[in-house]
Protein backbone atom coordinates (compact mmCIF):
# COMPACT_ATOMS: atom_id res chain seq x y z
CA UNK A 1 53.51 -41.82 176.85
CA UNK A 2 50.27 -43.60 177.50
CA UNK A 3 50.02 -46.98 179.54
CA UNK A 4 48.85 -49.79 177.57
CA UNK A 5 45.45 -49.94 179.12
CA UNK A 6 45.26 -46.05 178.07
CA UNK A 7 45.64 -47.31 174.28
CA UNK A 8 43.18 -50.04 174.36
CA UNK A 9 40.87 -47.32 175.92
CA UNK A 10 41.56 -44.77 172.85
CA UNK A 11 41.00 -47.63 170.75
CA UNK A 12 38.04 -48.46 172.23
CA UNK A 13 36.60 -45.11 172.23
CA UNK A 14 37.29 -44.76 168.38
CA UNK A 15 35.07 -47.88 167.79
CA UNK A 16 32.46 -46.30 169.57
CA UNK A 17 32.50 -43.19 167.68
CA UNK A 18 32.39 -45.33 164.56
CA UNK A 19 29.34 -47.11 165.60
CA UNK A 20 27.52 -43.61 166.76
CA UNK A 21 28.40 -42.18 163.39
CA UNK A 22 27.25 -45.04 161.54
CA UNK A 23 24.31 -45.29 163.16
CA UNK A 24 22.95 -41.58 163.77
CA UNK A 25 25.19 -39.29 161.18
CA UNK A 26 23.34 -39.27 157.51
CA UNK A 27 26.68 -38.81 155.48
CA UNK A 28 28.76 -41.70 157.40
CA UNK A 29 25.63 -43.91 157.28
CA UNK A 30 25.48 -43.86 153.50
CA UNK A 31 29.22 -44.17 152.67
CA UNK A 32 30.66 -47.56 150.97
CA UNK A 33 34.05 -49.04 150.64
CA UNK A 34 34.08 -47.66 147.18
CA UNK A 35 32.93 -44.04 148.06
CA UNK A 36 35.72 -43.59 150.97
CA UNK A 37 38.33 -45.44 148.87
CA UNK A 38 39.60 -42.30 147.19
CA UNK A 39 39.69 -40.40 150.39
CA UNK A 40 41.87 -43.16 152.09
CA UNK A 41 44.51 -42.64 149.07
CA UNK A 42 44.25 -38.73 150.02
CA UNK A 43 45.06 -39.90 153.55
CA UNK A 44 47.78 -41.89 152.84
CA UNK A 45 49.60 -39.05 150.81
CA UNK A 46 48.87 -36.47 153.62
CA UNK A 47 50.61 -39.05 156.18
CA UNK A 48 53.61 -39.33 153.48
CA UNK A 49 54.05 -35.74 153.21
CA UNK A 50 54.06 -35.20 156.89
CA UNK A 51 56.96 -37.98 157.36
CA UNK A 52 58.64 -36.32 154.77
CA UNK A 53 58.66 -32.86 156.41
CA UNK A 54 59.74 -34.27 159.81
CA UNK A 55 56.81 -32.87 161.27
CA UNK A 56 55.67 -35.54 164.35
CA UNK A 57 52.59 -33.51 165.19
CA UNK A 58 51.19 -33.63 161.65
CA UNK A 59 52.34 -37.40 161.71
CA UNK A 60 50.21 -38.33 164.68
CA UNK A 61 47.48 -36.36 163.34
CA UNK A 62 47.49 -38.08 159.85
CA UNK A 63 48.01 -41.60 161.46
CA UNK A 64 44.77 -41.14 163.39
CA UNK A 65 43.12 -40.13 160.18
CA UNK A 66 44.29 -43.28 158.61
CA UNK A 67 43.51 -45.61 161.51
CA UNK A 68 39.71 -43.90 161.51
CA UNK A 69 39.50 -45.36 158.16
CA UNK A 70 40.51 -48.38 158.48
CA UNK A 71 37.82 -48.86 161.39
CA UNK A 72 35.44 -47.42 158.75
CA UNK A 73 36.15 -50.31 156.26
CA UNK A 74 35.91 -52.99 159.31
CA UNK A 75 32.59 -51.60 160.43
CA UNK A 76 31.11 -51.66 156.71
CA UNK A 77 32.80 -55.23 156.33
CA UNK A 78 30.69 -56.11 159.93
CA UNK A 79 27.50 -54.72 158.62
CA UNK A 80 27.86 -56.65 155.38
CA UNK A 81 28.56 -59.83 157.65
CA UNK A 82 31.83 -60.34 156.08
CA UNK A 83 34.25 -59.38 159.06
CA UNK A 84 34.84 -57.18 161.72
CA UNK A 85 37.74 -55.36 163.23
CA UNK A 86 38.94 -58.20 165.39
CA UNK A 87 39.08 -60.28 162.12
CA UNK A 88 41.45 -57.97 160.39
CA UNK A 89 43.71 -57.44 163.76
CA UNK A 90 43.87 -61.36 163.99
CA UNK A 91 44.92 -61.82 160.27
CA UNK A 92 47.61 -59.35 160.54
CA UNK A 93 48.95 -60.66 163.82
CA UNK A 94 48.98 -64.33 162.44
CA UNK A 95 50.70 -62.87 159.21
CA UNK A 96 53.61 -60.96 161.37
CA UNK A 97 54.20 -64.18 163.46
CA UNK A 98 54.76 -66.42 160.40
CA UNK A 99 56.97 -63.85 158.61
CA UNK A 100 58.93 -63.72 161.72
CA UNK A 101 60.29 -67.20 162.84
CA UNK A 102 63.47 -65.53 164.20
CA UNK A 103 61.11 -63.71 166.79
CA UNK A 104 58.16 -66.15 167.39
CA UNK A 105 59.07 -69.51 165.80
CA UNK A 106 61.97 -72.44 166.51
CA UNK A 107 64.57 -69.76 165.47
CA UNK A 108 63.63 -67.57 168.16
CA UNK A 109 66.46 -65.98 170.02
CA UNK A 110 68.97 -67.00 167.10
CA UNK A 111 71.08 -64.15 165.82
CA UNK A 112 69.62 -62.83 162.43
CA UNK A 113 70.77 -59.63 160.84
CA UNK A 114 68.44 -57.11 159.32
CA UNK A 115 69.88 -58.00 155.90
CA UNK A 116 69.55 -61.75 155.98
CA UNK A 117 65.75 -61.10 157.25
CA UNK A 118 65.08 -58.65 154.06
CA UNK A 119 67.13 -61.04 151.54
CA UNK A 120 64.44 -63.89 152.39
CA UNK A 121 61.46 -61.90 153.08
CA UNK A 122 59.70 -62.87 149.71
CA UNK A 123 60.58 -66.52 150.16
CA UNK A 124 59.01 -66.64 153.74
CA UNK A 125 55.74 -65.01 152.40
CA UNK A 126 55.59 -67.36 149.30
CA UNK A 127 55.14 -70.50 151.96
CA UNK A 128 52.10 -68.54 153.65
CA UNK A 129 48.82 -70.42 153.64
CA UNK A 130 46.43 -68.31 151.50
CA UNK A 131 49.14 -65.94 150.42
CA UNK A 132 49.74 -64.77 146.85
CA UNK A 133 50.46 -67.58 144.16
CA UNK A 134 53.29 -65.58 142.48
CA UNK A 135 55.55 -62.60 144.17
CA UNK A 136 54.51 -60.07 141.81
CA UNK A 137 50.90 -60.67 142.56
CA UNK A 138 50.60 -58.68 145.78
CA UNK A 139 51.48 -55.42 143.97
CA UNK A 140 48.30 -53.50 142.94
CA UNK A 141 47.87 -52.45 139.17
CA UNK A 142 46.78 -49.06 140.20
CA UNK A 143 49.65 -48.31 142.13
CA UNK A 144 51.60 -45.31 140.63
CA UNK A 145 54.23 -46.50 138.25
CA UNK A 146 57.52 -44.82 140.48
CA UNK A 147 56.01 -47.05 143.59
CA UNK A 148 55.04 -50.15 141.52
CA UNK A 149 58.89 -50.09 139.99
CA UNK A 150 60.28 -49.87 143.22
CA UNK A 151 58.08 -52.44 144.97
CA UNK A 152 58.90 -54.86 142.18
CA UNK A 153 62.45 -54.35 142.67
CA UNK A 154 62.27 -55.06 146.34
CA UNK A 155 60.18 -58.17 145.94
CA UNK A 156 62.65 -59.51 143.35
CA UNK A 157 65.48 -58.54 145.74
CA UNK A 158 63.69 -60.55 148.57
CA UNK A 159 63.98 -63.53 146.23
CA UNK A 160 67.89 -63.21 145.86
CA UNK A 161 67.26 -61.66 142.26
CA UNK A 162 69.65 -58.80 142.59
CA UNK A 163 72.88 -57.59 141.42
CA UNK A 164 75.91 -59.30 143.17
CA UNK A 165 77.80 -55.63 143.43
CA UNK A 166 76.03 -52.42 143.30
CA UNK A 167 78.49 -50.77 141.18
CA UNK A 168 77.57 -53.39 138.45
CA UNK A 169 73.95 -51.60 137.79
CA UNK A 170 75.73 -48.63 136.18
CA UNK A 171 76.64 -50.89 133.08
CA UNK A 172 72.80 -51.66 132.80
CA UNK A 173 71.87 -47.92 133.17
CA UNK A 174 74.35 -46.83 130.42
CA UNK A 175 72.91 -49.85 128.26
CA UNK A 176 69.48 -48.42 128.61
CA UNK A 177 70.49 -44.96 127.94
CA UNK A 178 72.23 -45.96 124.51
CA UNK A 179 69.13 -47.95 123.43
CA UNK A 180 66.79 -44.75 124.28
CA UNK A 181 69.44 -42.90 122.24
CA UNK A 182 69.25 -45.02 119.22
CA UNK A 183 65.80 -46.12 119.42
CA UNK A 184 63.04 -45.14 116.67
CA UNK A 185 59.68 -43.41 117.54
CA UNK A 186 57.90 -46.82 117.50
CA UNK A 187 60.27 -48.24 120.59
CA UNK A 188 61.40 -45.00 122.23
CA UNK A 189 58.61 -45.03 124.85
CA UNK A 190 59.42 -48.57 125.98
CA UNK A 191 63.25 -47.63 126.15
CA UNK A 192 62.57 -44.67 128.29
CA UNK A 193 60.76 -47.25 130.57
CA UNK A 194 63.67 -49.60 130.55
CA UNK A 195 66.09 -46.49 131.54
CA UNK A 196 63.84 -45.34 134.17
CA UNK A 197 63.56 -48.63 135.77
CA UNK A 198 67.38 -49.03 135.67
CA UNK A 199 67.93 -46.07 137.39
CA UNK A 200 65.31 -46.51 140.00
CA UNK A 201 67.24 -50.10 140.48
CA UNK A 202 70.45 -47.87 140.89
CA UNK A 203 68.93 -45.56 143.48
CA UNK A 204 67.62 -48.47 145.78
CA UNK A 205 71.16 -50.15 145.32
CA UNK A 206 72.96 -46.90 146.80
CA UNK A 207 70.12 -46.60 149.61
CA UNK A 208 68.44 -43.65 148.10
CA UNK A 209 64.65 -43.53 148.50
CA UNK A 210 63.74 -42.45 144.90
CA UNK A 211 60.45 -41.05 145.65
CA UNK A 212 61.86 -38.80 148.28
CA UNK A 213 64.66 -37.91 145.77
CA UNK A 214 62.39 -37.00 143.12
CA UNK A 215 59.94 -35.03 145.12
CA UNK A 216 62.77 -33.09 146.70
CA UNK A 217 64.04 -32.16 143.05
CA UNK A 218 60.53 -31.11 142.28
CA UNK A 219 60.23 -29.00 145.27
CA UNK A 220 63.46 -27.07 144.03
CA UNK A 221 62.31 -26.81 140.50
CA UNK A 222 59.09 -25.29 141.96
CA UNK A 223 61.32 -22.85 144.02
CA UNK A 224 63.22 -21.88 141.20
CA UNK A 225 60.74 -21.59 138.52
CA UNK A 226 58.76 -19.24 140.94
CA UNK A 227 61.71 -17.11 141.03
CA UNK A 228 62.26 -16.97 137.75
CA UNK A 229 58.59 -15.91 137.12
CA UNK A 230 58.55 -13.40 139.92
CA UNK A 231 61.70 -11.74 138.76
CA UNK A 232 59.99 -11.59 135.09
CA UNK A 233 56.79 -9.75 136.50
CA UNK A 234 59.19 -7.25 138.44
CA UNK A 235 60.65 -6.27 135.15
CA UNK A 236 57.19 -6.24 133.51
CA UNK A 237 58.44 -8.70 130.82
CA UNK A 238 56.42 -11.35 129.16
CA UNK A 239 57.85 -15.05 129.45
CA UNK A 240 57.56 -14.89 125.79
CA UNK A 241 59.94 -11.62 125.24
CA UNK A 242 62.63 -13.61 126.85
CA UNK A 243 65.38 -15.55 125.42
CA UNK A 244 66.35 -18.99 126.88
CA UNK A 245 69.79 -17.25 127.58
CA UNK A 246 68.09 -14.80 129.43
CA UNK A 247 65.79 -17.28 131.46
CA UNK A 248 69.07 -19.35 132.26
CA UNK A 249 70.67 -16.35 133.66
CA UNK A 250 67.44 -15.56 136.11
CA UNK A 251 67.59 -19.24 136.87
CA UNK A 252 71.22 -19.11 137.74
CA UNK A 253 70.43 -16.36 140.15
CA UNK A 254 67.89 -18.50 141.72
CA UNK A 255 70.63 -21.05 142.16
CA UNK A 256 73.45 -18.70 143.56
CA UNK A 257 70.30 -17.86 146.45
CA UNK A 258 70.15 -21.31 147.49
CA UNK A 259 66.79 -21.78 145.96
């Protein structure tokens, strides 16, 4: 591992490279916050993918790519006279110090559990000067619905709005399922949304990462469907010529093979 001095030198080198690119590279020079925003979103997903695959080398690379983007935004902000990288770092430092009174404040050294910190997290954030006026305000509208629902539930939990016992959530799940089954065409979409929200709540309460779990299921479905496709091609048969029972039989073969 590197020394603190080496880490600071590496960060300084990144700042120097960014300065050179903005001043001497035509492509980098013409970029704006708006033009690189989509690229940043891609980098976040690439980092997430590397973490889920447990590939430490890839995680290291993707962190670097994402850090480059953060420095890019800060450089543009500097050119506009709005802020620079030091402002960004100072703000997050001040925020973390304020949000962790058990580490930096009068309660420093006081024994505190991770659960106690999580349970009061949103209440502490609400006291921040210049922070969001409401708890849900910090959740972007553009966030994918699955991640948005998870974020909302976590924020509600951070204010103490949660189930007393995790087992109680199943009554809500069953209630929402019944409402979906009984809904007419006009209300069915809304009831499906309620059901999905309740299932996500259940996964959270049982310590399951819903995003990772759903992604794993998608990967499994892809493997099995690809097997079905390959076996059909080998037999020279079209999908349209197979009965559902025949498809199910091949699907079960894939399951038996551990796909």
